[in-house]
Amino acid sequence: MPIDIDRFEEGSPPRRDTGGTNAETLLAFLADSPEQAFTPKEIHEATDVPRGSVGVVLSRLEDRDLVRHRGDYWAITDDDERLRSASQLHQFHESATEQYGAEDLETLQTDEMERVQ
């Protein structure tokens, strides 16, 4: 069950024992409820992002300061400018991909670079 954002901000939420990319899906879901925080299980159930992917994606989004994490709960960042900038960068990348095609990292590799995987 989601918790109120004020409770999330207090830093002591109860612990539980029990259309695009996954990142886009999770960000959109959390952005639709900025006053609540959710467990990975709740996010999985609401978005149908595979259960094993939710935690990994949330961690990557947290590394980019796009989501917040306390205990078992996750919420969208309260940094609206950072979220807006990330959205603009994503839109630019999508537009460039449509206009110029997808990047082929193999063709960008030089002798000095490690093999792109």
C-alpha atoms as a PDB file:
ATOM      1  CA  MET A   1       0.000   0.000   0.000  1.00  0.00           C
ATOM      2  CA  PRO A   2       1.419   3.427  -0.916  1.00  0.00           C
ATOM      3  CA  ILE A   3       2.310   5.852   1.844  1.00  0.00           C
ATOM      4  CA  ASP A   4       1.755   9.604   2.036  1.00  0.00           C
ATOM      5  CA  ILE A   5       4.714  11.708   0.855  1.00  0.00           C
ATOM      6  CA  ASP A   6       4.939  13.440   4.254  1.00  0.00           C
ATOM      7  CA  ARG A   7       5.473  10.073   5.898  1.00  0.00           C
ATOM      8  CA  PHE A   8       8.061   9.239   3.224  1.00  0.00           C
ATOM      9  CA  GLU A   9       9.882  12.526   3.934  1.00  0.00           C
ATOM     10  CA  GLU A  10      10.064  11.670   7.644  1.00  0.00           C
ATOM     11  CA  GLY A  11      12.446   8.887   6.637  1.00  0.00           C
ATOM     12  CA  SER A  12      10.817   6.100   8.583  1.00  0.00           C
ATOM     13  CA  PRO A  13       8.286   4.314   6.381  1.00  0.00           C
ATOM     14  CA  PRO A  14       7.198   0.883   7.533  1.00  0.00           C
ATOM     15  CA  ARG A  15       9.276  -1.948   6.061  1.00  0.00           C
ATOM     16  CA  ARG A  16       7.642  -4.782   4.190  1.00  0.00           C
ATOM     17  CA  ASP A  17       8.957  -8.302   4.156  1.00  0.00           C
ATOM     18  CA  THR A  18       7.095  -9.512   1.636  1.00  0.00           C
ATOM     19  CA  GLY A  19       4.792   2.523 -23.646  1.00  0.00           C
ATOM     20  CA  GLY A  20       8.280   2.968 -23.494  1.00  0.00           C
ATOM     21  CA  THR A  21      11.345   1.666 -21.734  1.00  0.00           C
ATOM     22  CA  ASN A  22      11.084   0.308 -18.239  1.00  0.00           C
ATOM     23  CA  ALA A  23      12.710   3.505 -16.957  1.00  0.00           C
ATOM     24  CA  GLU A  24      10.159   5.662 -18.771  1.00  0.00           C
ATOM     25  CA  THR A  25       7.319   3.524 -17.461  1.00  0.00           C
ATOM     26  CA  LEU A  26       8.520   3.736 -13.854  1.00  0.00           C
ATOM     27  CA  LEU A  27       9.171   7.479 -14.028  1.00  0.00           C
ATOM     28  CA  ALA A  28       5.737   8.107 -15.546  1.00  0.00           C
ATOM     29  CA  PHE A  29       4.056   5.996 -12.864  1.00  0.00           C
ATOM     30  CA  LEU A  30       5.870   7.746 -10.001  1.00  0.00           C
ATOM     31  CA  ALA A  31       5.339  11.183 -11.567  1.00  0.00           C
ATOM     32  CA  ASP A  32       1.582  10.522 -11.705  1.00  0.00           C
ATOM     33  CA  SER A  33       1.592  10.207  -7.895  1.00  0.00           C
ATOM     34  CA  PRO A  34       4.164  12.716  -6.596  1.00  0.00           C
ATOM     35  CA  GLU A  35       2.540  12.749  -3.167  1.00  0.00           C
ATOM     36  CA  GLN A  36       3.044   9.021  -2.602  1.00  0.00           C
ATOM     37  CA  ALA A  37       5.886   6.513  -2.317  1.00  0.00           C
ATOM     38  CA  PHE A  38       5.639   2.869  -3.367  1.00  0.00           C
ATOM     39  CA  THR A  39       7.374  -0.442  -2.815  1.00  0.00           C
ATOM     40  CA  PRO A  40       8.964  -2.197  -5.803  1.00  0.00           C
ATOM     41  CA  LYS A  41       6.204  -4.814  -5.611  1.00  0.00           C
ATOM     42  CA  GLU A  42       3.505  -2.140  -5.840  1.00  0.00           C
ATOM     43  CA  ILE A  43       5.317  -0.528  -8.746  1.00  0.00           C
ATOM     44  CA  HIS A  44       5.598  -3.887 -10.518  1.00  0.00           C
ATOM     45  CA  GLU A  45       1.908  -4.632 -10.023  1.00  0.00           C
ATOM     46  CA  ALA A  46       0.848  -1.191 -11.255  1.00  0.00           C
ATOM     47  CA  THR A  47       3.123  -1.054 -14.291  1.00  0.00           C
ATOM     48  CA  ASP A  48       3.676  -4.670 -15.358  1.00  0.00           C
ATOM     49  CA  VAL A  49       7.420  -3.981 -15.547  1.00  0.00           C
ATOM     50  CA  PRO A  50       9.000  -7.369 -14.732  1.00  0.00           C
ATOM     51  CA  ARG A  51       9.521  -7.785 -10.997  1.00  0.00           C
ATOM     52  CA  GLY A  52      13.232  -8.521 -11.406  1.00  0.00           C
ATOM     53  CA  SER A  53      13.725  -5.362 -13.448  1.00  0.00           C
ATOM     54  CA  VAL A  54      12.019  -2.903 -11.120  1.00  0.00           C
ATOM     55  CA  GLY A  55      14.773  -2.748  -8.499  1.00  0.00           C
ATOM     56  CA  VAL A  56      17.558  -2.492 -11.069  1.00  0.00           C
ATOM     57  CA  VAL A  57      15.810   0.304 -12.961  1.00  0.00           C
ATOM     58  CA  LEU A  58      14.956   2.178  -9.766  1.00  0.00           C
ATOM     59  CA  SER A  59      18.596   2.000  -8.653  1.00  0.00           C
ATOM     60  CA  ARG A  60      19.776   3.419 -11.975  1.00  0.00           C
ATOM     61  CA  LEU A  61      17.202   6.201 -11.757  1.00  0.00           C
ATOM     62  CA  GLU A  62      18.341   6.921  -8.192  1.00  0.00           C
ATOM     63  CA  ASP A  63      21.948   7.190  -9.424  1.00  0.00           C
ATOM     64  CA  ARG A  64      20.700   9.935 -11.749  1.00  0.00           C
ATOM     65  CA  ASP A  65      18.762  11.620  -8.912  1.00  0.00           C
ATOM     66  CA  LEU A  66      15.438  11.061 -10.679  1.00  0.00           C
ATOM     67  CA  VAL A  67      13.863   9.043  -7.849  1.00  0.00           C
ATOM     68  CA  ARG A  68      14.221   8.978  -4.061  1.00  0.00           C
ATOM     69  CA  HIS A  69      14.492   5.921  -1.846  1.00  0.00           C
ATOM     70  CA  ARG A  70      13.873   5.375   1.855  1.00  0.00           C
ATOM     71  CA  GLY A  71      13.484   1.975   3.391  1.00  0.00           C
ATOM     72  CA  ASP A  72      11.389  -0.108   1.009  1.00  0.00           C
ATOM     73  CA  TYR A  73       9.743   2.907  -0.589  1.00  0.00           C
ATOM     74  CA  TRP A  74      10.468   4.841  -3.744  1.00  0.00           C
ATOM     75  CA  ALA A  75       9.142   8.189  -4.940  1.00  0.00           C
ATOM     76  CA  ILE A  76       9.761  10.567  -7.817  1.00  0.00           C
ATOM     77  CA  THR A  77      12.418  13.217  -7.218  1.00  0.00           C
ATOM     78  CA  ASP A  78      11.285  16.503  -5.729  1.00  0.00           C
ATOM     79  CA  ASP A  79      13.827  18.263  -7.992  1.00  0.00           C
ATOM     80  CA  ASP A  80      11.494  19.405 -10.775  1.00  0.00           C
ATOM     81  CA  GLU A  81      14.329  21.026 -12.739  1.00  0.00           C
ATOM     82  CA  ARG A  82      16.347  17.798 -12.791  1.00  0.00           C
ATOM     83  CA  LEU A  83      13.320  15.826 -13.937  1.00  0.00           C
ATOM     84  CA  ARG A  84      12.544  18.409 -16.614  1.00  0.00           C
ATOM     85  CA  SER A  85      16.161  18.357 -17.849  1.00  0.00           C
ATOM     86  CA  ALA A  86      16.182  14.560 -18.033  1.00  0.00           C
ATOM     87  CA  SER A  87      12.926  14.616 -19.977  1.00  0.00           C
ATOM     88  CA  GLN A  88      14.291  17.186 -22.427  1.00  0.00           C
ATOM     89  CA  LEU A  89      17.481  15.181 -22.924  1.00  0.00           C
ATOM     90  CA  HIS A  90      15.441  12.046 -23.546  1.00  0.00           C
ATOM     91  CA  GLN A  91      13.222  13.859 -26.065  1.00  0.00           C
ATOM     92  CA  PHE A  92      16.311  15.212 -27.840  1.00  0.00           C
ATOM     93  CA  HIS A  93      17.806  11.714 -28.034  1.00  0.00           C
ATOM     94  CA  GLU A  94      14.551  10.265 -29.379  1.00  0.00           C
ATOM     95  CA  SER A  95      14.333  13.020 -31.990  1.00  0.00           C
ATOM     96  CA  ALA A  96      17.957  12.503 -33.057  1.00  0.00           C
ATOM     97  CA  THR A  97      17.404   8.753 -33.325  1.00  0.00           C
ATOM     98  CA  GLU A  98      14.358   9.307 -35.515  1.00  0.00           C
ATOM     99  CA  GLN A  99      16.206  11.792 -37.705  1.00  0.00           C
ATOM    100  CA  TYR A 100      19.644  10.140 -37.933  1.00  0.00           C
ATOM    101  CA  GLY A 101      19.045   6.527 -36.922  1.00  0.00           C
ATOM    102  CA  ALA A 102      20.154   4.556 -33.910  1.00  0.00           C
ATOM    103  CA  GLU A 103      23.757   4.692 -32.741  1.00  0.00           C
ATOM    104  CA  ASP A 104      25.983   1.749 -33.581  1.00  0.00           C
ATOM    105  CA  LEU A 105      28.540   1.757 -30.775  1.00  0.00           C
ATOM    106  CA  GLU A 106      30.717  -0.774 -32.616  1.00  0.00           C
ATOM    107  CA  THR A 107      31.335   1.763 -35.393  1.00  0.00           C
ATOM    108  CA  LEU A 108      32.271   4.438 -32.848  1.00  0.00           C
ATOM    109  CA  GLN A 109      34.928   2.264 -31.230  1.00  0.00           C
ATOM    110  CA  THR A 110      38.570   3.286 -31.655  1.00  0.00           C
ATOM    111  CA  ASP A 111      41.734   1.303 -30.977  1.00  0.00           C
ATOM    112  CA  GLU A 112      42.191   3.233 -27.720  1.00  0.00           C
ATOM    113  CA  MET A 113      38.763   2.292 -26.392  1.00  0.00           C
ATOM    114  CA  GLU A 114      37.877  -0.896 -24.607  1.00  0.00           C
ATOM    115  CA  ARG A 115      35.518  -3.136 -26.528  1.00  0.00           C
ATOM    116  CA  VAL A 116      31.972  -1.781 -26.276  1.00  0.00           C
ATOM    117  CA  GLN A 117      29.644  -4.367 -24.824  1.00  0.00           C
END
